[in-house]
């Protein structure tokens, strides 16, 4: 079983920064193909934020976060990060970490991921 545990959320003023972390643990060898960050605001569908290939490190971003958010990983620590700068009130949401071992065609789809964390709340005040 693969477990993902997010941390780092909180309340921040507009223009501020937060860094989310996602620690990965597995009871068996888990070959990750990609990991991603998604978010869900109240009354809205879960949306893609950023993704990274575990081998090679290529990245994808939601257009509205490009230049403000950076996804990265630490292979030794089996940890995924999301550095969020210049935060806006519209970034307020529950942020989820996700992982897939499948070689998927698109990393931006919710259905591409098999494992999810419990989420960490990010609230940006104006």
N, C-alpha and C. Protein backbone atom coordinates (compact mmCIF):
# COMPACT_ATOMS: atom_id res chain seq x y z
N UNK A 1 0.84 -1.19 0.00
CA UNK A 1 0.00 0.00 0.00
C UNK A 1 0.88 1.25 0.00
N UNK A 2 0.56 2.19 -0.85
CA UNK A 2 1.31 3.43 -0.94
C UNK A 2 0.58 4.49 -0.12
N UNK A 3 1.32 5.19 0.70
CA UNK A 3 0.74 6.26 1.51
C UNK A 3 1.39 7.58 1.16
N UNK A 4 0.55 8.60 1.02
CA UNK A 4 1.02 9.95 0.74
C UNK A 4 0.52 10.85 1.85
N UNK A 5 1.41 11.63 2.43
CA UNK A 5 1.04 12.51 3.54
C UNK A 5 1.51 13.92 3.24
N UNK A 6 0.52 14.82 3.07
CA UNK A 6 0.84 16.22 2.78
C UNK A 6 1.02 17.01 4.07
N UNK A 7 1.78 18.08 3.97
CA UNK A 7 1.96 19.02 5.07
C UNK A 7 2.35 20.36 4.50
N UNK A 8 2.30 21.40 5.34
CA UNK A 8 2.77 22.71 4.92
C UNK A 8 1.69 23.73 4.61
N UNK A 9 0.43 23.31 4.62
CA UNK A 9 -0.63 24.25 4.36
C UNK A 9 -0.80 25.23 5.51
N UNK A 10 -1.65 26.24 5.28
CA UNK A 10 -1.90 27.21 6.33
C UNK A 10 -2.60 28.44 5.80
N UNK A 11 -2.64 29.47 6.64
CA UNK A 11 -3.26 30.74 6.30
C UNK A 11 -2.16 31.74 6.00
N UNK A 12 -2.28 32.41 4.86
CA UNK A 12 -1.27 33.38 4.46
C UNK A 12 -1.96 34.56 3.78
N UNK A 13 -1.36 35.72 3.85
CA UNK A 13 -1.91 36.89 3.17
C UNK A 13 -1.56 36.85 1.69
N UNK A 14 -2.36 37.51 0.91
CA UNK A 14 -2.09 37.61 -0.52
C UNK A 14 -0.69 38.16 -0.75
N UNK A 15 0.01 37.54 -1.70
CA UNK A 15 1.39 37.92 -1.96
C UNK A 15 2.40 37.10 -1.20
N UNK A 16 1.94 36.33 -0.24
CA UNK A 16 2.83 35.52 0.57
C UNK A 16 3.19 34.20 -0.09
N UNK A 17 3.93 33.38 0.66
CA UNK A 17 4.44 32.11 0.13
C UNK A 17 4.17 30.97 1.11
N UNK A 18 4.04 29.79 0.56
CA UNK A 18 3.97 28.56 1.34
C UNK A 18 4.70 27.47 0.56
N UNK A 19 5.23 26.48 1.29
CA UNK A 19 5.79 25.30 0.63
C UNK A 19 5.10 24.06 1.16
N UNK A 20 4.46 23.35 0.24
CA UNK A 20 3.80 22.10 0.58
C UNK A 20 4.78 20.95 0.40
N UNK A 21 4.64 19.95 1.26
CA UNK A 21 5.44 18.74 1.16
C UNK A 21 4.52 17.53 1.10
N UNK A 22 4.99 16.48 0.43
CA UNK A 22 4.24 15.23 0.35
C UNK A 22 5.23 14.09 0.56
N UNK A 23 5.14 13.47 1.71
CA UNK A 23 6.02 12.35 2.02
C UNK A 23 5.38 11.05 1.53
N UNK A 24 6.19 10.22 0.89
CA UNK A 24 5.71 8.97 0.31
C UNK A 24 6.28 7.78 1.07
N UNK A 25 5.41 6.84 1.40
CA UNK A 25 5.88 5.59 1.99
C UNK A 25 5.13 4.45 1.35
N UNK A 26 5.80 3.29 1.28
CA UNK A 26 5.18 2.15 0.63
C UNK A 26 5.63 0.88 1.32
N UNK A 27 4.70 -0.06 1.48
CA UNK A 27 5.03 -1.33 2.08
C UNK A 27 5.72 -2.26 1.11
N UNK A 28 5.82 -1.83 -0.15
CA UNK A 28 6.48 -2.61 -1.18
C UNK A 28 7.18 -1.64 -2.11
N UNK A 29 8.00 -2.16 -2.97
CA UNK A 29 8.68 -1.30 -3.93
C UNK A 29 7.65 -0.70 -4.86
N UNK A 30 7.64 0.61 -4.94
CA UNK A 30 6.69 1.33 -5.78
C UNK A 30 7.46 2.14 -6.79
N UNK A 31 7.32 1.79 -8.06
CA UNK A 31 7.99 2.53 -9.12
C UNK A 31 7.08 3.65 -9.59
N UNK A 32 7.41 4.86 -9.20
CA UNK A 32 6.60 6.00 -9.57
C UNK A 32 6.89 6.42 -11.00
N UNK A 33 5.86 6.67 -11.75
CA UNK A 33 6.02 7.25 -13.07
C UNK A 33 5.91 8.77 -12.98
N UNK A 34 4.95 9.24 -12.21
CA UNK A 34 4.76 10.67 -12.06
C UNK A 34 4.06 10.96 -10.73
N UNK A 35 4.24 12.18 -10.26
CA UNK A 35 3.50 12.67 -9.10
C UNK A 35 2.97 14.05 -9.42
N UNK A 36 1.90 14.41 -8.74
CA UNK A 36 1.28 15.70 -9.03
C UNK A 36 0.62 16.33 -7.83
N UNK A 37 0.27 17.58 -8.01
CA UNK A 37 -0.52 18.34 -7.03
C UNK A 37 -1.83 18.76 -7.68
N UNK A 38 -2.90 18.55 -6.95
CA UNK A 38 -4.23 18.97 -7.38
C UNK A 38 -4.82 19.82 -6.26
N UNK A 39 -5.89 20.55 -6.56
CA UNK A 39 -6.56 21.33 -5.53
C UNK A 39 -8.06 21.33 -5.77
N UNK A 40 -8.77 21.52 -4.69
CA UNK A 40 -10.23 21.54 -4.78
C UNK A 40 -10.77 22.60 -3.84
N UNK A 41 -11.46 23.57 -4.42
CA UNK A 41 -12.11 24.62 -3.64
C UNK A 41 -13.55 24.19 -3.37
N UNK A 42 -14.18 24.74 -2.33
CA UNK A 42 -15.55 24.35 -2.01
C UNK A 42 -16.49 24.58 -3.19
N UNK A 43 -17.27 23.56 -3.51
CA UNK A 43 -18.24 23.66 -4.58
C UNK A 43 -17.66 23.53 -5.98
N UNK A 44 -16.36 23.25 -6.06
CA UNK A 44 -15.72 23.12 -7.37
C UNK A 44 -15.11 21.72 -7.53
N UNK A 45 -14.83 21.37 -8.78
CA UNK A 45 -14.20 20.09 -9.04
C UNK A 45 -12.70 20.17 -8.72
N UNK A 46 -12.14 19.00 -8.48
CA UNK A 46 -10.70 18.93 -8.25
C UNK A 46 -9.98 19.29 -9.54
N UNK A 47 -8.97 20.16 -9.44
CA UNK A 47 -8.26 20.59 -10.64
C UNK A 47 -6.76 20.36 -10.51
N UNK A 48 -6.16 20.12 -11.66
CA UNK A 48 -4.72 19.92 -11.77
C UNK A 48 -3.98 21.22 -11.46
N UNK A 49 -2.87 21.11 -10.74
CA UNK A 49 -2.03 22.27 -10.44
C UNK A 49 -0.64 22.09 -11.07
N UNK A 50 0.01 20.97 -10.78
CA UNK A 50 1.37 20.74 -11.29
C UNK A 50 1.68 19.26 -11.23
N UNK A 51 2.59 18.81 -12.11
CA UNK A 51 3.01 17.41 -12.12
C UNK A 51 4.48 17.33 -12.50
N UNK A 52 5.10 16.22 -12.09
CA UNK A 52 6.51 16.00 -12.39
C UNK A 52 6.74 14.53 -12.67
N UNK A 53 7.55 14.23 -13.67
CA UNK A 53 7.96 12.86 -13.93
C UNK A 53 9.02 12.47 -12.91
N UNK A 54 8.89 11.28 -12.35
CA UNK A 54 9.85 10.91 -11.31
C UNK A 54 11.22 10.61 -11.90
N UNK A 55 11.26 10.13 -13.12
CA UNK A 55 12.53 9.96 -13.84
C UNK A 55 12.61 11.03 -14.92
N UNK A 56 13.61 11.84 -14.87
CA UNK A 56 13.76 12.91 -15.85
C UNK A 56 13.35 14.26 -15.32
N UNK A 57 12.29 14.29 -14.53
CA UNK A 57 11.89 15.54 -13.89
C UNK A 57 11.16 16.54 -14.75
N UNK A 58 10.60 16.11 -15.88
CA UNK A 58 9.83 17.06 -16.69
C UNK A 58 8.58 17.48 -15.93
N UNK A 59 8.13 18.71 -16.16
CA UNK A 59 7.04 19.27 -15.38
C UNK A 59 5.92 19.81 -16.26
N UNK A 60 4.74 19.87 -15.66
CA UNK A 60 3.57 20.52 -16.25
C UNK A 60 2.96 21.42 -15.19
N UNK A 61 2.35 22.53 -15.63
CA UNK A 61 1.71 23.44 -14.70
C UNK A 61 0.38 23.93 -15.25
N UNK A 62 -0.54 24.20 -14.35
CA UNK A 62 -1.75 24.92 -14.67
C UNK A 62 -1.35 26.33 -15.10
N UNK A 63 -1.98 26.85 -16.14
CA UNK A 63 -1.55 28.15 -16.67
C UNK A 63 -1.56 29.25 -15.61
N UNK A 64 -2.55 29.24 -14.75
CA UNK A 64 -2.69 30.33 -13.78
C UNK A 64 -1.64 30.30 -12.66
N UNK A 65 -0.86 29.22 -12.56
CA UNK A 65 0.17 29.17 -11.53
C UNK A 65 1.58 29.23 -12.10
N UNK A 66 1.68 29.22 -13.42
CA UNK A 66 3.01 29.28 -14.05
C UNK A 66 3.72 30.57 -13.62
N UNK A 67 5.00 30.42 -13.26
CA UNK A 67 5.77 31.57 -12.82
C UNK A 67 5.61 31.87 -11.34
N UNK A 68 4.62 31.25 -10.69
CA UNK A 68 4.41 31.47 -9.25
C UNK A 68 4.67 30.20 -8.43
N UNK A 69 4.31 29.05 -8.99
CA UNK A 69 4.46 27.77 -8.29
C UNK A 69 5.59 26.97 -8.93
N UNK A 70 6.29 26.20 -8.11
CA UNK A 70 7.34 25.32 -8.61
C UNK A 70 7.21 23.95 -7.94
N UNK A 71 7.10 22.92 -8.77
CA UNK A 71 7.05 21.56 -8.26
C UNK A 71 8.46 20.97 -8.30
N UNK A 72 8.81 20.22 -7.27
CA UNK A 72 10.14 19.60 -7.23
C UNK A 72 10.07 18.33 -6.39
N UNK A 73 11.15 17.56 -6.41
CA UNK A 73 11.17 16.31 -5.68
C UNK A 73 12.55 16.06 -5.09
N UNK A 74 12.56 15.28 -4.02
CA UNK A 74 13.80 14.84 -3.41
C UNK A 74 13.78 13.32 -3.43
N UNK A 75 14.58 12.74 -4.33
CA UNK A 75 14.56 11.29 -4.49
C UNK A 75 14.98 10.56 -3.22
N UNK A 76 15.96 11.09 -2.53
CA UNK A 76 16.48 10.39 -1.33
C UNK A 76 15.45 10.37 -0.22
N UNK A 77 14.68 11.45 -0.14
CA UNK A 77 13.68 11.54 0.92
C UNK A 77 12.32 11.04 0.47
N UNK A 78 12.19 10.65 -0.79
CA UNK A 78 10.89 10.23 -1.33
C UNK A 78 9.81 11.28 -1.04
N UNK A 79 10.16 12.52 -1.29
CA UNK A 79 9.26 13.61 -0.95
C UNK A 79 9.05 14.52 -2.16
N UNK A 80 7.83 14.94 -2.31
CA UNK A 80 7.42 15.87 -3.36
C UNK A 80 7.14 17.22 -2.72
N UNK A 81 7.45 18.31 -3.43
CA UNK A 81 7.24 19.65 -2.91
C UNK A 81 6.46 20.50 -3.89
N UNK A 82 5.81 21.52 -3.35
CA UNK A 82 5.20 22.56 -4.17
C UNK A 82 5.49 23.89 -3.50
N UNK A 83 6.39 24.65 -4.11
CA UNK A 83 6.69 25.99 -3.62
C UNK A 83 5.71 26.95 -4.26
N UNK A 84 4.97 27.67 -3.43
CA UNK A 84 3.93 28.57 -3.92
C UNK A 84 4.28 29.99 -3.50
N UNK A 85 4.53 30.84 -4.48
CA UNK A 85 4.86 32.24 -4.23
C UNK A 85 3.77 33.14 -4.81
N UNK A 86 3.76 34.38 -4.39
CA UNK A 86 2.79 35.37 -4.89
C UNK A 86 1.38 34.81 -4.83
N UNK A 87 1.03 34.26 -3.71
CA UNK A 87 -0.27 33.62 -3.57
C UNK A 87 -1.41 34.62 -3.70
N UNK A 88 -2.50 34.13 -4.28
CA UNK A 88 -3.69 34.94 -4.50
C UNK A 88 -4.88 34.31 -3.77
N UNK A 89 -5.90 35.10 -3.44
CA UNK A 89 -7.08 34.52 -2.78
C UNK A 89 -7.69 33.37 -3.58
N UNK A 90 -7.62 33.43 -4.91
CA UNK A 90 -8.18 32.36 -5.73
C UNK A 90 -7.38 31.07 -5.66
N UNK A 91 -6.22 31.09 -5.01
CA UNK A 91 -5.46 29.85 -4.79
C UNK A 91 -5.98 29.09 -3.56
N UNK A 92 -6.90 29.68 -2.83
CA UNK A 92 -7.46 29.02 -1.65
C UNK A 92 -8.16 27.72 -2.03
N UNK A 93 -7.74 26.63 -1.40
CA UNK A 93 -8.29 25.31 -1.71
C UNK A 93 -7.65 24.26 -0.80
N UNK A 94 -8.20 23.07 -0.88
CA UNK A 94 -7.57 21.90 -0.27
C UNK A 94 -6.64 21.31 -1.32
N UNK A 95 -5.38 21.20 -0.98
CA UNK A 95 -4.37 20.74 -1.93
C UNK A 95 -4.03 19.28 -1.67
N UNK A 96 -4.06 18.49 -2.74
CA UNK A 96 -3.81 17.06 -2.67
C UNK A 96 -2.55 16.68 -3.44
N UNK A 97 -1.82 15.74 -2.89
CA UNK A 97 -0.69 15.11 -3.55
C UNK A 97 -1.19 13.80 -4.16
N UNK A 98 -0.67 13.44 -5.34
CA UNK A 98 -1.08 12.22 -6.01
C UNK A 98 0.11 11.54 -6.68
N UNK A 99 -0.01 10.23 -6.86
CA UNK A 99 1.08 9.47 -7.48
C UNK A 99 0.50 8.39 -8.40
N UNK A 100 1.25 8.10 -9.43
CA UNK A 100 0.87 7.00 -10.32
C UNK A 100 2.10 6.20 -10.72
N UNK A 101 1.91 4.90 -10.84
CA UNK A 101 2.97 4.02 -11.33
C UNK A 101 2.74 3.63 -12.78
N UNK A 102 1.63 4.11 -13.33
CA UNK A 102 1.30 3.77 -14.71
C UNK A 102 1.91 4.79 -15.65
N UNK A 103 2.29 4.33 -16.84
CA UNK A 103 2.83 5.22 -17.86
C UNK A 103 1.64 5.86 -18.58
N UNK A 104 1.16 6.97 -18.03
CA UNK A 104 -0.06 7.59 -18.53
C UNK A 104 0.26 8.57 -19.65
N UNK A 105 -0.76 8.83 -20.48
CA UNK A 105 -0.59 9.77 -21.60
C UNK A 105 -0.64 11.21 -21.13
N UNK A 106 -1.43 11.46 -20.10
CA UNK A 106 -1.56 12.82 -19.63
C UNK A 106 -1.47 12.87 -18.11
N UNK A 107 -0.63 13.74 -17.61
CA UNK A 107 -0.43 13.85 -16.17
C UNK A 107 -1.38 14.85 -15.53
N UNK A 108 -2.23 15.49 -16.35
CA UNK A 108 -3.09 16.53 -15.80
C UNK A 108 -4.45 16.00 -15.39
N UNK A 109 -4.74 14.76 -15.68
CA UNK A 109 -6.04 14.19 -15.39
C UNK A 109 -6.08 13.55 -14.01
N UNK A 110 -7.18 13.75 -13.30
CA UNK A 110 -7.37 13.11 -12.01
C UNK A 110 -7.30 11.60 -12.15
N UNK A 111 -7.86 11.10 -13.22
CA UNK A 111 -7.93 9.64 -13.44
C UNK A 111 -6.57 9.01 -13.73
N UNK A 112 -5.55 9.83 -13.97
CA UNK A 112 -4.21 9.28 -14.23
C UNK A 112 -3.54 8.77 -12.96
N UNK A 113 -4.05 9.15 -11.82
CA UNK A 113 -3.39 8.88 -10.55
C UNK A 113 -4.13 7.84 -9.74
N UNK A 114 -3.34 6.95 -9.11
CA UNK A 114 -3.90 5.84 -8.35
C UNK A 114 -3.87 6.07 -6.84
N UNK A 115 -2.99 6.94 -6.40
CA UNK A 115 -2.80 7.12 -4.96
C UNK A 115 -2.92 8.61 -4.63
N UNK A 116 -3.60 8.88 -3.52
CA UNK A 116 -3.88 10.25 -3.12
C UNK A 116 -3.62 10.43 -1.63
N UNK A 117 -3.17 11.64 -1.28
CA UNK A 117 -3.06 11.99 0.12
C UNK A 117 -4.39 12.49 0.66
N UNK A 118 -4.37 12.89 1.92
CA UNK A 118 -5.61 13.33 2.58
C UNK A 118 -5.88 14.82 2.36
N UNK A 119 -4.89 15.55 1.87
CA UNK A 119 -5.07 16.96 1.58
C UNK A 119 -4.55 17.86 2.68
N UNK A 120 -4.13 19.06 2.30
CA UNK A 120 -3.71 20.08 3.25
C UNK A 120 -4.33 21.41 2.80
N UNK A 121 -4.91 22.14 3.75
CA UNK A 121 -5.66 23.35 3.43
C UNK A 121 -4.74 24.54 3.24
N UNK A 122 -4.96 25.25 2.16
CA UNK A 122 -4.28 26.52 1.90
C UNK A 122 -5.33 27.61 1.82
N UNK A 123 -5.20 28.62 2.66
CA UNK A 123 -6.14 29.73 2.67
C UNK A 123 -5.36 31.03 2.49
N UNK A 124 -5.73 31.79 1.47
CA UNK A 124 -5.06 33.05 1.17
C UNK A 124 -6.04 34.19 1.41
N UNK A 125 -5.71 35.07 2.31
CA UNK A 125 -6.59 36.18 2.64
C UNK A 125 -6.21 37.41 1.81
N UNK A 126 -7.21 38.21 1.52
CA UNK A 126 -6.97 39.40 0.69
C UNK A 126 -6.61 40.60 1.55
